[in-house]
Amino acid sequence: MPVGTVKWYDAERGFGFVSNPDGEDCYVGKQVLPKGIGELHKGQRIEFDFAAGRKGPQALRIKVMETPRRKPQHKYEPDALHGMISDLITLLESGIQPGLAKGQYPEKKAGSQVAEILRVVAKELDA
């Protein structure tokens, strides 16, 4: 089985191409991805079997040789995140904390909104 690298793969469209050391690039469809693998990433090394198809070589079976190295993907610039955290602190201190000091939980709608903001900030910090 030849070893190639993924040239590109579009998970939405469900296909991509992998370099073939023995000839032209091979088509890779989502139906040949191993169980539990939803997509391939550019530069990822894979081992594959292939056969001639109507439009060129097609991978029949693949084995992922390495997990992709992903760069952290931050959605917000640091100054924007700084502003979000500052606003979040203000919201917590003025909208949530006074009620908690009186022994009252926030209303469901307000609590859900604050929880969603906290999740976005936590996800961004964890990226």
N, C-alpha and C. Protein backbone atom coordinates (compact mmCIF):
# COMPACT_ATOMS: atom_id res chain seq x y z
N MET A 1 0.85 -1.18 0.00
CA MET A 1 0.00 0.00 0.00
C MET A 1 0.89 1.24 0.00
N PRO A 2 0.66 2.17 -0.93
CA PRO A 2 1.45 3.40 -0.95
C PRO A 2 1.10 4.33 0.20
N VAL A 3 2.05 5.16 0.55
CA VAL A 3 1.83 6.18 1.57
C VAL A 3 1.84 7.53 0.87
N GLY A 4 0.81 8.32 1.10
CA GLY A 4 0.72 9.65 0.49
C GLY A 4 0.32 10.68 1.52
N THR A 5 0.28 11.92 1.09
CA THR A 5 -0.18 13.00 1.98
C THR A 5 -1.43 13.62 1.40
N VAL A 6 -2.28 14.05 2.26
CA VAL A 6 -3.54 14.67 1.85
C VAL A 6 -3.23 16.03 1.24
N LYS A 7 -3.68 16.22 0.01
CA LYS A 7 -3.49 17.52 -0.65
C LYS A 7 -4.57 18.48 -0.18
N TRP A 8 -5.81 18.00 -0.17
CA TRP A 8 -6.93 18.76 0.39
C TRP A 8 -8.09 17.80 0.59
N TYR A 9 -8.97 18.18 1.51
CA TYR A 9 -10.17 17.40 1.78
C TYR A 9 -11.24 18.35 2.27
N ASP A 10 -12.41 18.30 1.66
CA ASP A 10 -13.53 19.15 2.03
C ASP A 10 -14.59 18.28 2.72
N ALA A 11 -14.72 18.43 4.02
CA ALA A 11 -15.65 17.60 4.79
C ALA A 11 -17.10 17.85 4.39
N GLU A 12 -17.44 19.09 4.04
CA GLU A 12 -18.82 19.40 3.64
C GLU A 12 -19.20 18.68 2.35
N ARG A 13 -18.28 18.67 1.39
CA ARG A 13 -18.55 18.03 0.12
C ARG A 13 -18.27 16.53 0.16
N GLY A 14 -17.47 16.09 1.14
CA GLY A 14 -17.24 14.66 1.35
C GLY A 14 -16.20 14.03 0.44
N PHE A 15 -15.23 14.82 -0.02
CA PHE A 15 -14.16 14.24 -0.81
C PHE A 15 -12.94 15.14 -0.83
N GLY A 16 -11.84 14.57 -1.36
CA GLY A 16 -10.61 15.32 -1.49
C GLY A 16 -9.61 14.51 -2.30
N PHE A 17 -8.35 14.92 -2.25
CA PHE A 17 -7.32 14.23 -3.01
C PHE A 17 -6.09 14.01 -2.16
N VAL A 18 -5.41 12.91 -2.45
CA VAL A 18 -4.18 12.55 -1.75
C VAL A 18 -3.09 12.34 -2.80
N SER A 19 -1.87 12.75 -2.47
CA SER A 19 -0.77 12.56 -3.41
C SER A 19 -0.43 11.07 -3.51
N ASN A 20 -0.12 10.64 -4.70
CA ASN A 20 0.22 9.25 -4.94
C ASN A 20 1.67 9.21 -5.42
N PRO A 21 2.57 8.60 -4.66
CA PRO A 21 3.97 8.58 -5.06
C PRO A 21 4.21 7.84 -6.37
N ASP A 22 3.29 6.99 -6.78
CA ASP A 22 3.45 6.19 -8.00
C ASP A 22 2.84 6.83 -9.25
N GLY A 23 2.21 7.98 -9.13
CA GLY A 23 1.55 8.56 -10.30
C GLY A 23 0.71 9.75 -9.94
N GLU A 24 -0.46 9.83 -10.61
CA GLU A 24 -1.31 10.99 -10.38
C GLU A 24 -2.06 10.90 -9.05
N ASP A 25 -2.55 12.05 -8.59
CA ASP A 25 -3.25 12.12 -7.30
C ASP A 25 -4.48 11.23 -7.30
N CYS A 26 -4.82 10.72 -6.12
CA CYS A 26 -5.97 9.83 -5.96
C CYS A 26 -7.13 10.57 -5.31
N TYR A 27 -8.31 10.29 -5.81
CA TYR A 27 -9.55 10.79 -5.24
C TYR A 27 -9.84 10.01 -3.97
N VAL A 28 -10.29 10.72 -2.92
CA VAL A 28 -10.67 10.07 -1.67
C VAL A 28 -12.07 10.54 -1.31
N GLY A 29 -13.02 9.63 -1.30
CA GLY A 29 -14.39 9.94 -0.92
C GLY A 29 -14.63 9.61 0.54
N LYS A 30 -15.65 10.22 1.13
CA LYS A 30 -15.90 10.00 2.55
C LYS A 30 -16.26 8.55 2.87
N GLN A 31 -16.76 7.81 1.88
CA GLN A 31 -17.16 6.42 2.12
C GLN A 31 -15.97 5.50 2.43
N VAL A 32 -14.73 5.93 2.10
CA VAL A 32 -13.57 5.08 2.37
C VAL A 32 -12.83 5.48 3.64
N LEU A 33 -13.31 6.52 4.33
CA LEU A 33 -12.66 6.93 5.58
C LEU A 33 -12.87 5.86 6.64
N PRO A 34 -11.85 5.61 7.47
CA PRO A 34 -12.01 4.62 8.54
C PRO A 34 -13.10 5.05 9.52
N LYS A 35 -13.66 4.07 10.16
CA LYS A 35 -14.72 4.33 11.15
C LYS A 35 -14.19 5.28 12.23
N GLY A 36 -14.98 6.31 12.54
CA GLY A 36 -14.60 7.27 13.56
C GLY A 36 -13.83 8.47 13.03
N ILE A 37 -13.44 8.44 11.75
CA ILE A 37 -12.73 9.56 11.14
C ILE A 37 -13.73 10.30 10.25
N GLY A 38 -13.97 11.57 10.54
CA GLY A 38 -14.94 12.33 9.77
C GLY A 38 -14.34 13.16 8.67
N GLU A 39 -13.04 13.43 8.76
CA GLU A 39 -12.39 14.24 7.73
C GLU A 39 -10.89 14.03 7.76
N LEU A 40 -10.25 14.43 6.69
CA LEU A 40 -8.80 14.40 6.59
C LEU A 40 -8.31 15.85 6.56
N HIS A 41 -7.04 16.05 6.89
CA HIS A 41 -6.48 17.40 6.95
C HIS A 41 -5.26 17.50 6.04
N LYS A 42 -5.10 18.64 5.42
CA LYS A 42 -3.99 18.87 4.50
C LYS A 42 -2.67 18.52 5.18
N GLY A 43 -1.84 17.76 4.46
CA GLY A 43 -0.53 17.37 4.98
C GLY A 43 -0.53 16.09 5.80
N GLN A 44 -1.69 15.58 6.14
CA GLN A 44 -1.79 14.36 6.93
C GLN A 44 -1.33 13.17 6.09
N ARG A 45 -0.53 12.29 6.67
CA ARG A 45 -0.04 11.11 5.96
C ARG A 45 -1.03 9.96 6.12
N ILE A 46 -1.32 9.31 4.98
CA ILE A 46 -2.21 8.15 5.00
C ILE A 46 -1.62 7.05 4.12
N GLU A 47 -2.01 5.83 4.44
CA GLU A 47 -1.67 4.67 3.63
C GLU A 47 -2.95 4.27 2.92
N PHE A 48 -2.89 3.92 1.64
CA PHE A 48 -4.12 3.65 0.92
C PHE A 48 -3.93 2.64 -0.20
N ASP A 49 -5.02 1.94 -0.52
CA ASP A 49 -5.12 1.11 -1.71
C ASP A 49 -5.91 1.91 -2.72
N PHE A 50 -5.62 1.72 -3.99
CA PHE A 50 -6.39 2.46 -4.98
C PHE A 50 -6.60 1.62 -6.23
N ALA A 51 -7.54 2.06 -7.04
CA ALA A 51 -7.85 1.41 -8.31
C ALA A 51 -8.21 2.49 -9.32
N ALA A 52 -8.12 2.14 -10.58
CA ALA A 52 -8.48 3.09 -11.63
C ALA A 52 -9.99 3.29 -11.63
N GLY A 53 -10.41 4.54 -11.64
CA GLY A 53 -11.82 4.87 -11.70
C GLY A 53 -12.12 5.54 -13.03
N ARG A 54 -13.36 5.98 -13.21
CA ARG A 54 -13.75 6.64 -14.46
C ARG A 54 -12.95 7.90 -14.72
N LYS A 55 -12.66 8.66 -13.66
CA LYS A 55 -11.98 9.94 -13.82
C LYS A 55 -10.55 9.92 -13.30
N GLY A 56 -10.01 8.74 -13.03
CA GLY A 56 -8.65 8.64 -12.51
C GLY A 56 -8.60 7.72 -11.31
N PRO A 57 -7.43 7.62 -10.68
CA PRO A 57 -7.28 6.73 -9.53
C PRO A 57 -8.17 7.14 -8.35
N GLN A 58 -8.74 6.14 -7.69
CA GLN A 58 -9.59 6.37 -6.53
C GLN A 58 -9.11 5.48 -5.38
N ALA A 59 -9.06 6.07 -4.19
CA ALA A 59 -8.70 5.29 -3.01
C ALA A 59 -9.84 4.35 -2.67
N LEU A 60 -9.50 3.09 -2.40
CA LEU A 60 -10.51 2.10 -2.03
C LEU A 60 -10.59 1.90 -0.54
N ARG A 61 -9.44 2.03 0.10
CA ARG A 61 -9.35 1.80 1.54
C ARG A 61 -8.19 2.65 2.02
N ILE A 62 -8.34 3.29 3.18
CA ILE A 62 -7.24 4.09 3.70
C ILE A 62 -6.99 3.79 5.17
N LYS A 63 -5.76 4.06 5.57
CA LYS A 63 -5.37 3.93 6.97
C LYS A 63 -4.65 5.22 7.34
N VAL A 64 -5.12 5.90 8.36
CA VAL A 64 -4.51 7.15 8.79
C VAL A 64 -3.24 6.84 9.55
N MET A 65 -2.13 7.43 9.09
CA MET A 65 -0.81 7.16 9.68
C MET A 65 -0.49 8.10 10.85
N GLU A 66 -1.06 9.31 10.82
CA GLU A 66 -0.77 10.27 11.88
C GLU A 66 -1.98 11.17 12.09
N THR A 67 -2.13 11.61 13.31
CA THR A 67 -3.21 12.55 13.59
C THR A 67 -2.76 13.94 13.14
N PRO A 68 -3.70 14.75 12.69
CA PRO A 68 -3.32 16.07 12.19
C PRO A 68 -2.85 16.98 13.31
N ARG A 69 -1.92 17.86 12.96
CA ARG A 69 -1.49 18.88 13.91
C ARG A 69 -2.31 20.12 13.62
N ARG A 70 -3.14 20.46 14.53
CA ARG A 70 -4.00 21.63 14.34
C ARG A 70 -3.42 22.83 15.04
N LYS A 71 -3.47 23.94 14.35
CA LYS A 71 -3.07 25.19 14.95
C LYS A 71 -4.26 25.69 15.77
N PRO A 72 -4.00 26.29 16.93
CA PRO A 72 -5.12 26.84 17.67
C PRO A 72 -5.84 27.87 16.82
N GLN A 73 -7.14 27.79 16.82
CA GLN A 73 -7.93 28.71 16.01
C GLN A 73 -8.71 29.63 16.94
N HIS A 74 -8.23 30.85 17.06
CA HIS A 74 -8.91 31.83 17.87
C HIS A 74 -9.89 32.61 17.01
N LYS A 75 -11.07 32.77 17.52
CA LYS A 75 -12.10 33.48 16.78
C LYS A 75 -11.99 34.99 17.00
N TYR A 76 -11.48 35.41 18.14
CA TYR A 76 -11.42 36.82 18.50
C TYR A 76 -9.98 37.27 18.71
N GLU A 77 -9.71 38.51 18.38
CA GLU A 77 -8.41 39.12 18.64
C GLU A 77 -8.28 39.36 20.14
N PRO A 78 -7.06 39.42 20.68
CA PRO A 78 -6.88 39.61 22.12
C PRO A 78 -7.57 40.86 22.67
N ASP A 79 -7.55 41.97 21.93
CA ASP A 79 -8.21 43.19 22.45
C ASP A 79 -9.72 43.03 22.49
N ALA A 80 -10.29 42.31 21.52
CA ALA A 80 -11.74 42.05 21.54
C ALA A 80 -12.09 41.13 22.71
N LEU A 81 -11.27 40.13 22.95
CA LEU A 81 -11.51 39.21 24.07
C LEU A 81 -11.38 39.95 25.40
N HIS A 82 -10.42 40.88 25.47
CA HIS A 82 -10.26 41.69 26.68
C HIS A 82 -11.54 42.46 26.96
N GLY A 83 -12.13 43.07 25.94
CA GLY A 83 -13.38 43.80 26.10
C GLY A 83 -14.53 42.89 26.53
N MET A 84 -14.59 41.69 25.94
CA MET A 84 -15.65 40.74 26.31
C MET A 84 -15.53 40.35 27.78
N ILE A 85 -14.31 40.08 28.23
CA ILE A 85 -14.12 39.68 29.62
C ILE A 85 -14.44 40.82 30.56
N SER A 86 -14.06 42.03 30.19
CA SER A 86 -14.37 43.21 31.01
C SER A 86 -15.89 43.38 31.14
N ASP A 87 -16.60 43.26 30.00
CA ASP A 87 -18.06 43.36 30.02
C ASP A 87 -18.68 42.22 30.83
N LEU A 88 -18.11 41.04 30.72
CA LEU A 88 -18.62 39.89 31.46
C LEU A 88 -18.49 40.11 32.96
N ILE A 89 -17.35 40.65 33.38
CA ILE A 89 -17.14 40.93 34.81
C ILE A 89 -18.17 41.94 35.30
N THR A 90 -18.39 42.98 34.50
CA THR A 90 -19.39 44.00 34.87
C THR A 90 -20.77 43.37 34.98
N LEU A 91 -21.13 42.53 34.01
CA LEU A 91 -22.43 41.86 34.01
C LEU A 91 -22.59 40.98 35.25
N LEU A 92 -21.56 40.23 35.58
CA LEU A 92 -21.62 39.36 36.76
C LEU A 92 -21.75 40.17 38.05
N GLU A 93 -20.95 41.25 38.15
CA GLU A 93 -20.97 42.05 39.37
C GLU A 93 -22.27 42.83 39.55
N SER A 94 -22.84 43.32 38.45
CA SER A 94 -24.04 44.15 38.59
C SER A 94 -25.34 43.38 38.42
N GLY A 95 -25.33 42.30 37.63
CA GLY A 95 -26.57 41.60 37.34
C GLY A 95 -26.79 40.30 38.07
N ILE A 96 -25.73 39.60 38.37
CA ILE A 96 -25.87 38.27 38.97
C ILE A 96 -25.50 38.26 40.44
N GLN A 97 -24.39 38.87 40.78
CA GLN A 97 -23.88 38.81 42.15
C GLN A 97 -24.83 39.40 43.20
N PRO A 98 -25.49 40.54 42.96
CA PRO A 98 -26.39 41.08 44.00
C PRO A 98 -27.51 40.12 44.39
N GLY A 99 -28.09 39.44 43.40
CA GLY A 99 -29.15 38.47 43.69
C GLY A 99 -28.63 37.29 44.48
N LEU A 100 -27.45 36.82 44.12
CA LEU A 100 -26.86 35.69 44.83
C LEU A 100 -26.55 36.07 46.28
N ALA A 101 -26.13 37.32 46.50
CA ALA A 101 -25.85 37.79 47.87
C ALA A 101 -27.11 37.78 48.72
N LYS A 102 -28.28 37.95 48.07
CA LYS A 102 -29.57 37.93 48.78
C LYS A 102 -30.15 36.52 48.85
N GLY A 103 -29.39 35.54 48.34
CA GLY A 103 -29.87 34.16 48.40
C GLY A 103 -30.79 33.79 47.25
N GLN A 104 -30.75 34.53 46.14
CA GLN A 104 -31.63 34.27 45.00
C GLN A 104 -30.80 33.93 43.76
N TYR A 105 -31.24 32.92 43.07
CA TYR A 105 -30.63 32.60 41.78
C TYR A 105 -31.17 33.57 40.73
N PRO A 106 -30.40 33.79 39.66
CA PRO A 106 -30.92 34.65 38.59
C PRO A 106 -32.08 33.97 37.87
N GLU A 107 -32.88 34.77 37.17
CA GLU A 107 -33.97 34.20 36.38
C GLU A 107 -33.38 33.30 35.31
N LYS A 108 -34.17 32.34 34.87
CA LYS A 108 -33.69 31.35 33.92
C LYS A 108 -33.12 31.99 32.66
N LYS A 109 -33.80 32.97 32.09
CA LYS A 109 -33.35 33.61 30.86
C LYS A 109 -32.00 34.30 31.06
N ALA A 110 -31.88 35.07 32.13
CA ALA A 110 -30.62 35.78 32.41
C ALA A 110 -29.49 34.79 32.69
N GLY A 111 -29.79 33.75 33.44
CA GLY A 111 -28.79 32.73 33.76
C GLY A 111 -28.30 32.02 32.50
N SER A 112 -29.23 31.71 31.59
CA SER A 112 -28.86 31.05 30.34
C SER A 112 -27.97 31.93 29.47
N GLN A 113 -28.30 33.23 29.42
CA GLN A 113 -27.51 34.15 28.61
C GLN A 113 -26.09 34.29 29.17
N VAL A 114 -25.97 34.42 30.46
CA VAL A 114 -24.65 34.54 31.08
C VAL A 114 -23.86 33.24 30.89
N ALA A 115 -24.52 32.11 31.04
CA ALA A 115 -23.86 30.82 30.87
C ALA A 115 -23.33 30.68 29.44
N GLU A 116 -24.10 31.13 28.44
CA GLU A 116 -23.66 31.06 27.05
C GLU A 116 -22.44 31.94 26.82
N ILE A 117 -22.44 33.12 27.40
CA ILE A 117 -21.28 34.03 27.27
C ILE A 117 -20.06 33.39 27.92
N LEU A 118 -20.24 32.78 29.08
CA LEU A 118 -19.13 32.12 29.76
C LEU A 118 -18.57 30.97 28.92
N ARG A 119 -19.45 30.21 28.25
CA ARG A 119 -18.99 29.11 27.40
C ARG A 119 -18.16 29.63 26.22
N VAL A 120 -18.61 30.73 25.60
CA VAL A 120 -17.87 31.31 24.47
C VAL A 120 -16.49 31.77 24.91
N VAL A 121 -16.43 32.47 26.04
CA VAL A 121 -15.14 32.96 26.54
C VAL A 121 -14.24 31.77 26.91
N ALA A 122 -14.80 30.77 27.57
CA ALA A 122 -14.00 29.61 27.97
C ALA A 122 -13.46 28.87 26.73
N LYS A 123 -14.29 28.72 25.70
CA LYS A 123 -13.85 28.04 24.47
C LYS A 123 -12.74 28.82 23.80
N GLU A 124 -12.85 30.14 23.79
CA GLU A 124 -11.83 30.97 23.17
C GLU A 124 -10.51 30.88 23.95
N LEU A 125 -10.59 30.88 25.27
CA LEU A 125 -9.37 30.78 26.07
C LEU A 125 -8.73 29.40 25.96
N ASP A 126 -9.53 28.39 25.69
CA ASP A 126 -9.05 27.02 25.60
C ASP A 126 -8.49 26.68 24.21
N ALA A 127 -8.76 27.52 23.22
CA ALA A 127 -8.32 27.24 21.83
C ALA A 127 -6.81 27.26 21.69
